[in-house]
Amino acid sequence: MNRQHTVVDSPYGPLTLVATDGVLSGLYMTGQRHRPPEDGFGEPDPRPFREAARQLDAYHARELTDFDLPLHLAGTPFQQRVWELLRTIPYGETRTYGELAAALGQPTASRAVGLANGRNPIGIIVPCHRVIGASGGLTGYGGGLDRKRRLLAFESGTPAAALF
């Protein structure tokens, strides 16, 4: 397994991008919960991340709403199913943990969906920020609730103070 990483700027602070064998396998925010140790990120090398950085810039410029990147999502089969489902949530929309559990055919698994959501290794691109609580309120987010609020406000075109 060959790994590289680079750090790119964003409105949400520095983002560390990690590639495994040349394919994006991580996007981590500063202070993110479940952020792996940096000694596992590999050597610094911006080359594998040119397209990911371009698409992130386009997203932040409101020119891109759907990422089109090959991803290496390492996790359990259940986590992978949840992460694939996250990628189907349209830009500017949200889903509840219960809705995702029902879509997986496991309507009582909302807590397990939440745990898998929290372990998402490629934030923003795999939009775990688009998942909210059953009451419609914000719930945990590995990058912090302030970042989640800001991401949701950005995508909906609503001031962050007006949300939740």
Protein backbone atom coordinates (compact mmCIF):
# COMPACT_ATOMS: atom_id res chain seq x y z
CA MET A 1 0.00 0.00 0.00
CA ASN A 2 1.54 3.26 -1.16
CA ARG A 3 0.28 6.42 0.58
CA GLN A 4 0.74 10.12 -0.03
CA HIS A 5 -0.85 13.22 1.43
CA THR A 6 -1.13 16.94 0.91
CA VAL A 7 -2.84 19.82 2.68
CA VAL A 8 -5.18 22.22 0.86
CA ASP A 9 -6.84 25.38 2.12
CA SER A 10 -10.60 25.65 2.44
CA PRO A 11 -13.17 27.96 4.04
CA TYR A 12 -13.36 25.34 6.81
CA GLY A 13 -9.66 25.36 7.57
CA PRO A 14 -6.86 23.19 6.21
CA LEU A 15 -7.96 19.87 4.71
CA THR A 16 -5.53 16.95 4.69
CA LEU A 17 -6.02 14.76 1.62
CA VAL A 18 -4.68 11.20 1.72
CA ALA A 19 -4.28 8.84 -1.23
CA THR A 20 -3.81 5.08 -1.17
CA ASP A 21 -2.17 3.77 -4.33
CA GLY A 22 -3.00 7.07 -6.04
CA VAL A 23 -6.73 7.05 -5.14
CA LEU A 24 -8.28 9.45 -2.62
CA SER A 25 -8.78 7.58 0.66
CA GLY A 26 -9.03 10.38 3.20
CA LEU A 27 -10.09 13.99 3.67
CA TYR A 28 -9.55 15.15 7.22
CA MET A 29 -10.20 18.46 8.94
CA THR A 30 -8.06 19.94 11.68
CA GLY A 31 -9.23 18.61 15.05
CA GLN A 32 -11.52 16.06 13.43
CA ARG A 33 -12.82 13.25 15.60
CA HIS A 34 -11.55 9.85 14.37
CA ARG A 35 -8.71 11.50 12.45
CA PRO A 36 -6.05 8.84 11.98
CA PRO A 37 -2.49 9.43 13.18
CA GLU A 38 -0.57 11.55 10.70
CA ASP A 39 2.31 9.08 10.55
CA GLY A 40 -0.03 6.85 8.50
CA PHE A 41 -0.69 9.54 5.86
CA GLY A 42 2.42 8.73 3.85
CA GLU A 43 4.85 11.06 2.18
CA PRO A 44 3.91 14.62 1.23
CA ASP A 45 3.17 14.73 -2.50
CA PRO A 46 0.54 16.98 -4.14
CA ARG A 47 0.51 15.10 -7.49
CA PRO A 48 -2.21 12.51 -6.71
CA PHE A 49 -4.56 15.28 -5.55
CA ARG A 50 -4.72 17.68 -8.48
CA GLU A 51 -8.24 16.69 -9.53
CA ALA A 52 -9.54 16.44 -5.96
CA ALA A 53 -8.14 19.90 -5.19
CA ARG A 54 -9.65 21.29 -8.42
CA GLN A 55 -13.08 19.84 -7.57
CA LEU A 56 -12.92 21.09 -3.97
CA ASP A 57 -12.08 24.58 -5.24
CA ALA A 58 -15.01 24.41 -7.67
CA TYR A 59 -17.30 23.23 -4.85
CA HIS A 60 -16.24 26.13 -2.62
CA ALA A 61 -16.77 28.53 -5.55
CA ARG A 62 -20.34 27.17 -5.98
CA GLU A 63 -19.43 25.83 -9.42
CA LEU A 64 -19.71 22.12 -8.53
CA THR A 65 -22.39 20.27 -6.59
CA ASP A 66 -21.45 16.64 -7.31
CA PHE A 67 -17.94 15.28 -6.93
CA ASP A 68 -16.72 12.87 -9.58
CA LEU A 69 -13.61 11.25 -8.14
CA PRO A 70 -12.45 7.68 -7.73
CA LEU A 71 -12.46 6.90 -4.01
CA HIS A 72 -10.85 4.23 -1.89
CA LEU A 73 -13.27 3.82 1.04
CA ALA A 74 -11.83 1.32 3.50
CA GLY A 75 -14.34 0.10 6.06
CA THR A 76 -16.70 -2.69 6.98
CA PRO A 77 -19.32 -3.75 4.43
CA PHE A 78 -22.00 -1.92 6.47
CA GLN A 79 -19.92 1.27 6.63
CA GLN A 80 -19.34 1.11 2.90
CA ARG A 81 -23.08 0.77 2.26
CA VAL A 82 -23.75 3.82 4.44
CA TRP A 83 -21.02 5.85 2.74
CA GLU A 84 -22.35 4.97 -0.69
CA LEU A 85 -25.83 6.03 0.42
CA LEU A 86 -24.43 9.34 1.69
CA ARG A 87 -23.19 10.05 -1.82
CA THR A 88 -26.80 9.92 -3.08
CA ILE A 89 -28.01 12.77 -0.83
CA PRO A 90 -28.42 15.73 -3.20
CA TYR A 91 -26.49 18.95 -2.67
CA GLY A 92 -28.46 21.32 -0.46
CA GLU A 93 -30.63 18.56 1.03
CA THR A 94 -30.48 16.57 4.25
CA ARG A 95 -31.58 13.16 5.43
CA THR A 96 -32.06 11.79 8.93
CA TYR A 97 -30.22 8.80 10.31
CA GLY A 98 -33.56 6.98 10.40
CA GLU A 99 -34.24 7.72 6.74
CA LEU A 100 -30.85 6.31 5.81
CA ALA A 101 -31.42 3.21 7.95
CA ALA A 102 -34.79 2.65 6.24
CA ALA A 103 -33.19 3.12 2.80
CA LEU A 104 -30.69 0.40 3.75
CA GLY A 105 -33.58 -1.91 4.60
CA GLN A 106 -32.69 -1.79 8.30
CA PRO A 107 -35.15 0.69 9.82
CA THR A 108 -33.99 0.03 13.40
CA ALA A 109 -30.31 0.66 12.58
CA SER A 110 -30.26 4.46 12.86
CA ARG A 111 -27.65 4.34 15.64
CA ALA A 112 -25.41 2.06 13.54
CA VAL A 113 -25.87 4.43 10.60
CA GLY A 114 -24.76 7.28 12.87
CA LEU A 115 -21.65 5.38 13.93
CA ALA A 116 -20.75 4.59 10.31
CA ASN A 117 -21.44 8.20 9.34
CA GLY A 118 -19.03 9.37 12.04
CA ARG A 119 -16.29 7.12 10.66
CA ASN A 120 -16.57 8.47 7.13
CA PRO A 121 -12.95 8.91 6.00
CA ILE A 122 -13.66 11.35 3.15
CA GLY A 123 -15.66 14.24 4.59
CA ILE A 124 -17.31 16.85 2.34
CA ILE A 125 -16.86 14.69 -0.78
CA VAL A 126 -18.80 11.88 0.90
CA PRO A 127 -21.30 14.31 2.44
CA CYS A 128 -21.83 13.06 5.97
CA HIS A 129 -22.60 16.67 6.95
CA ARG A 130 -25.97 16.27 5.20
CA VAL A 131 -27.26 13.90 7.89
CA ILE A 132 -29.33 15.36 10.73
CA GLY A 133 -31.25 14.11 13.74
CA ALA A 134 -34.83 12.84 13.65
CA SER A 135 -36.09 16.13 15.09
CA GLY A 136 -34.43 18.05 12.25
CA GLY A 137 -31.67 19.37 14.50
CA LEU A 138 -27.94 19.12 14.22
CA THR A 139 -26.31 16.12 15.78
CA GLY A 140 -22.67 15.10 16.01
CA TYR A 141 -20.19 15.77 13.25
CA GLY A 142 -16.58 14.64 13.24
CA GLY A 143 -15.45 18.06 12.03
CA GLY A 144 -17.44 19.86 14.74
CA LEU A 145 -20.99 21.19 14.78
CA ASP A 146 -19.90 24.68 13.75
CA ARG A 147 -18.38 23.31 10.52
CA LYS A 148 -21.46 21.17 9.91
CA ARG A 149 -23.72 24.20 10.34
CA ARG A 150 -21.52 26.23 7.99
CA LEU A 151 -21.44 23.48 5.33
CA LEU A 152 -25.23 23.08 5.43
CA ALA A 153 -25.73 26.85 5.29
CA PHE A 154 -23.31 27.13 2.37
CA GLU A 155 -25.12 24.44 0.41
CA SER A 156 -28.60 25.77 1.14
CA GLY A 157 -27.69 29.41 0.57
CA THR A 158 -28.96 30.27 4.06
CA PRO A 159 -26.96 32.24 6.65
CA ALA A 160 -25.47 29.82 9.18
CA ALA A 161 -27.06 31.74 12.07
CA ALA A 162 -30.50 31.04 10.59
CA LEU A 163 -30.02 27.25 10.67
CA PHE A 164 -30.79 25.09 13.67
